[in-house]
């Protein structure tokens, strides 16, 4: 059974930083990518950032987070991180980790972790 365990969410003031972590365990397939998605109340779930775990390292970011968020990986631990800097109230959402066999295939989801940016 595939398990995605997320951590690092919380409440932070505007301009602050958080670091999210997601570790995949009991994987029965070769992880090709891991990514972060977020969903705010009343809005569609959207891709925040993603990174490949095999082959050449490829990254992608939503336009709204470019220059503020950084995604990174530890292949040996099947772990992905999201460093979130200069946080804004509009970043408030539930952040979900996902992984799959193909680029952005989203075969599995974590439970999500709440990020709240508020003064």
C-alpha atoms as a PDB file:
ATOM      1  CA  UNK A   1       0.000   0.000   0.000  1.00  0.00           C
ATOM      2  CA  UNK A   2       1.283   3.454  -0.913  1.00  0.00           C
ATOM      3  CA  UNK A   3       1.371   5.976   1.904  1.00  0.00           C
ATOM      4  CA  UNK A   4       2.170   9.671   1.602  1.00  0.00           C
ATOM      5  CA  UNK A   5       2.935  11.379   4.894  1.00  0.00           C
ATOM      6  CA  UNK A   6       2.964  15.168   4.940  1.00  0.00           C
ATOM      7  CA  UNK A   7       4.220  17.566   7.570  1.00  0.00           C
ATOM      8  CA  UNK A   8       5.138  21.203   8.044  1.00  0.00           C
ATOM      9  CA  UNK A   9       1.860  23.024   7.648  1.00  0.00           C
ATOM     10  CA  UNK A  10       0.657  25.620  10.090  1.00  0.00           C
ATOM     11  CA  UNK A  11      -0.227  29.229  10.727  1.00  0.00           C
ATOM     12  CA  UNK A  12       2.188  31.921   9.632  1.00  0.00           C
ATOM     13  CA  UNK A  13       2.075  35.687   9.214  1.00  0.00           C
ATOM     14  CA  UNK A  14       2.357  37.314   5.793  1.00  0.00           C
ATOM     15  CA  UNK A  15       5.972  37.412   4.698  1.00  0.00           C
ATOM     16  CA  UNK A  16       6.834  34.354   6.736  1.00  0.00           C
ATOM     17  CA  UNK A  17       8.125  30.960   5.672  1.00  0.00           C
ATOM     18  CA  UNK A  18       7.179  27.314   5.978  1.00  0.00           C
ATOM     19  CA  UNK A  19       8.809  24.108   4.808  1.00  0.00           C
ATOM     20  CA  UNK A  20       6.546  21.236   3.816  1.00  0.00           C
ATOM     21  CA  UNK A  21       7.727  17.641   3.640  1.00  0.00           C
ATOM     22  CA  UNK A  22       6.157  14.585   2.063  1.00  0.00           C
ATOM     23  CA  UNK A  23       7.551  11.073   2.364  1.00  0.00           C
ATOM     24  CA  UNK A  24       6.284   8.161   0.293  1.00  0.00           C
ATOM     25  CA  UNK A  25       6.406   4.685   1.781  1.00  0.00           C
ATOM     26  CA  UNK A  26       5.444   1.188   0.672  1.00  0.00           C
ATOM     27  CA  UNK A  27       5.815   2.167  -2.940  1.00  0.00           C
ATOM     28  CA  UNK A  28       5.020  -0.602  -5.413  1.00  0.00           C
ATOM     29  CA  UNK A  29       6.126   1.289  -8.493  1.00  0.00           C
ATOM     30  CA  UNK A  30       9.056   3.419  -9.558  1.00  0.00           C
ATOM     31  CA  UNK A  31       8.347   7.008  -8.587  1.00  0.00           C
ATOM     32  CA  UNK A  32       8.715   9.242 -11.590  1.00  0.00           C
ATOM     33  CA  UNK A  33       7.644  12.475  -9.981  1.00  0.00           C
ATOM     34  CA  UNK A  34       6.309  13.995  -6.797  1.00  0.00           C
ATOM     35  CA  UNK A  35       4.429  17.220  -6.600  1.00  0.00           C
ATOM     36  CA  UNK A  36       2.553  19.655  -4.442  1.00  0.00           C
ATOM     37  CA  UNK A  37      -0.990  20.823  -5.100  1.00  0.00           C
ATOM     38  CA  UNK A  38      -3.222  23.143  -3.145  1.00  0.00           C
ATOM     39  CA  UNK A  39      -6.911  23.812  -2.823  1.00  0.00           C
ATOM     40  CA  UNK A  40      -8.533  26.812  -1.211  1.00  0.00           C
ATOM     41  CA  UNK A  41     -12.212  26.807  -0.188  1.00  0.00           C
ATOM     42  CA  UNK A  42     -14.462  27.162  -3.207  1.00  0.00           C
ATOM     43  CA  UNK A  43     -11.585  26.845  -5.657  1.00  0.00           C
ATOM     44  CA  UNK A  44     -10.183  24.136  -7.887  1.00  0.00           C
ATOM     45  CA  UNK A  45      -7.184  22.137  -6.803  1.00  0.00           C
ATOM     46  CA  UNK A  46      -4.138  23.509  -8.572  1.00  0.00           C
ATOM     47  CA  UNK A  47      -0.574  22.436  -9.167  1.00  0.00           C
ATOM     48  CA  UNK A  48       1.933  24.356  -7.073  1.00  0.00           C
ATOM     49  CA  UNK A  49       5.202  22.638  -7.972  1.00  0.00           C
ATOM     50  CA  UNK A  50       6.492  19.289  -9.165  1.00  0.00           C
ATOM     51  CA  UNK A  51       9.818  17.543  -9.632  1.00  0.00           C
ATOM     52  CA  UNK A  52      11.012  14.373 -11.342  1.00  0.00           C
ATOM     53  CA  UNK A  53      12.665  11.586  -9.343  1.00  0.00           C
ATOM     54  CA  UNK A  54      14.245   9.690 -12.234  1.00  0.00           C
ATOM     55  CA  UNK A  55      16.249  10.769 -15.237  1.00  0.00           C
ATOM     56  CA  UNK A  56      17.000  14.411 -15.766  1.00  0.00           C
ATOM     57  CA  UNK A  57      15.780  16.721 -13.038  1.00  0.00           C
ATOM     58  CA  UNK A  58      12.775  18.683 -14.209  1.00  0.00           C
ATOM     59  CA  UNK A  59      10.824  21.182 -12.158  1.00  0.00           C
ATOM     60  CA  UNK A  60       7.707  23.175 -12.727  1.00  0.00           C
ATOM     61  CA  UNK A  61       6.039  25.908 -10.697  1.00  0.00           C
ATOM     62  CA  UNK A  62       2.769  27.731 -10.801  1.00  0.00           C
ATOM     63  CA  UNK A  63       3.226  31.310 -11.942  1.00  0.00           C
ATOM     64  CA  UNK A  64       1.841  32.545  -8.643  1.00  0.00           C
ATOM     65  CA  UNK A  65       4.685  30.976  -6.632  1.00  0.00           C
ATOM     66  CA  UNK A  66       7.688  31.392  -8.917  1.00  0.00           C
ATOM     67  CA  UNK A  67      10.522  33.100  -7.103  1.00  0.00           C
ATOM     68  CA  UNK A  68       8.973  32.393  -3.702  1.00  0.00           C
ATOM     69  CA  UNK A  69       8.650  28.603  -3.480  1.00  0.00           C
ATOM     70  CA  UNK A  70      11.326  25.990  -4.110  1.00  0.00           C
ATOM     71  CA  UNK A  71      10.729  22.274  -4.585  1.00  0.00           C
ATOM     72  CA  UNK A  72      13.479  19.752  -3.870  1.00  0.00           C
ATOM     73  CA  UNK A  73      13.876  16.017  -3.470  1.00  0.00           C
ATOM     74  CA  UNK A  74      15.743  13.271  -1.633  1.00  0.00           C
ATOM     75  CA  UNK A  75      15.507  10.250  -3.890  1.00  0.00           C
ATOM     76  CA  UNK A  76      16.849   7.750  -1.355  1.00  0.00           C
ATOM     77  CA  UNK A  77      14.107   8.721   1.086  1.00  0.00           C
ATOM     78  CA  UNK A  78      11.327   9.103  -1.490  1.00  0.00           C
ATOM     79  CA  UNK A  79      10.785  12.532  -0.020  1.00  0.00           C
ATOM     80  CA  UNK A  80       9.856  15.859  -1.541  1.00  0.00           C
ATOM     81  CA  UNK A  81      10.079  19.261   0.119  1.00  0.00           C
ATOM     82  CA  UNK A  82       8.466  22.593  -0.565  1.00  0.00           C
ATOM     83  CA  UNK A  83      10.217  25.637   0.842  1.00  0.00           C
ATOM     84  CA  UNK A  84       7.673  28.445   0.963  1.00  0.00           C
ATOM     85  CA  UNK A  85       8.987  31.974   1.444  1.00  0.00           C
ATOM     86  CA  UNK A  86       7.370  35.401   1.339  1.00  0.00           C
ATOM     87  CA  UNK A  87       4.005  33.850   2.054  1.00  0.00           C
ATOM     88  CA  UNK A  88       0.865  35.787   1.207  1.00  0.00           C
ATOM     89  CA  UNK A  89      -2.712  35.445   2.463  1.00  0.00           C
ATOM     90  CA  UNK A  90      -3.706  34.108  -0.955  1.00  0.00           C
ATOM     91  CA  UNK A  91      -1.379  31.157  -0.365  1.00  0.00           C
ATOM     92  CA  UNK A  92      -3.800  29.932   2.294  1.00  0.00           C
ATOM     93  CA  UNK A  93      -5.011  26.481   1.286  1.00  0.00           C
ATOM     94  CA  UNK A  94      -4.802  22.798   2.010  1.00  0.00           C
ATOM     95  CA  UNK A  95      -1.589  21.560   0.435  1.00  0.00           C
ATOM     96  CA  UNK A  96      -1.560  18.031  -0.946  1.00  0.00           C
ATOM     97  CA  UNK A  97       1.332  15.818  -1.917  1.00  0.00           C
ATOM     98  CA  UNK A  98       0.978  13.517  -4.901  1.00  0.00           C
ATOM     99  CA  UNK A  99       3.110  10.998  -6.749  1.00  0.00           C
ATOM    100  CA  UNK A 100       2.843   8.799  -9.801  1.00  0.00           C
ATOM    101  CA  UNK A 101       4.449   6.709 -12.473  1.00  0.00           C
ATOM    102  CA  UNK A 102       4.284   9.422 -15.090  1.00  0.00           C
ATOM    103  CA  UNK A 103       4.691  13.169 -15.125  1.00  0.00           C
ATOM    104  CA  UNK A 104       1.832  14.707 -13.153  1.00  0.00           C
ATOM    105  CA  UNK A 105      -0.093  11.429 -13.227  1.00  0.00           C
ATOM    106  CA  UNK A 106      -1.322  11.882  -9.621  1.00  0.00           C
ATOM    107  CA  UNK A 107      -1.739   8.175  -8.919  1.00  0.00           C
ATOM    108  CA  UNK A 108      -1.727   8.722  -5.153  1.00  0.00           C
ATOM    109  CA  UNK A 109      -2.569  11.560  -2.797  1.00  0.00           C
ATOM    110  CA  UNK A 110      -1.635  12.481   0.720  1.00  0.00           C
ATOM    111  CA  UNK A 111      -4.201  13.607   3.259  1.00  0.00           C
ATOM    112  CA  UNK A 112      -3.232  17.254   2.948  1.00  0.00           C
ATOM    113  CA  UNK A 113      -1.815  19.767   5.374  1.00  0.00           C
ATOM    114  CA  UNK A 114      -3.338  23.151   6.158  1.00  0.00           C
ATOM    115  CA  UNK A 115      -1.324  26.281   5.465  1.00  0.00           C
ATOM    116  CA  UNK A 116      -2.842  29.492   6.771  1.00  0.00           C
ATOM    117  CA  UNK A 117      -1.251  32.872   6.106  1.00  0.00           C
ATOM    118  CA  UNK A 118      -2.880  35.547   8.215  1.00  0.00           C
ATOM    119  CA  UNK A 119      -2.021  38.510  10.397  1.00  0.00           C
END
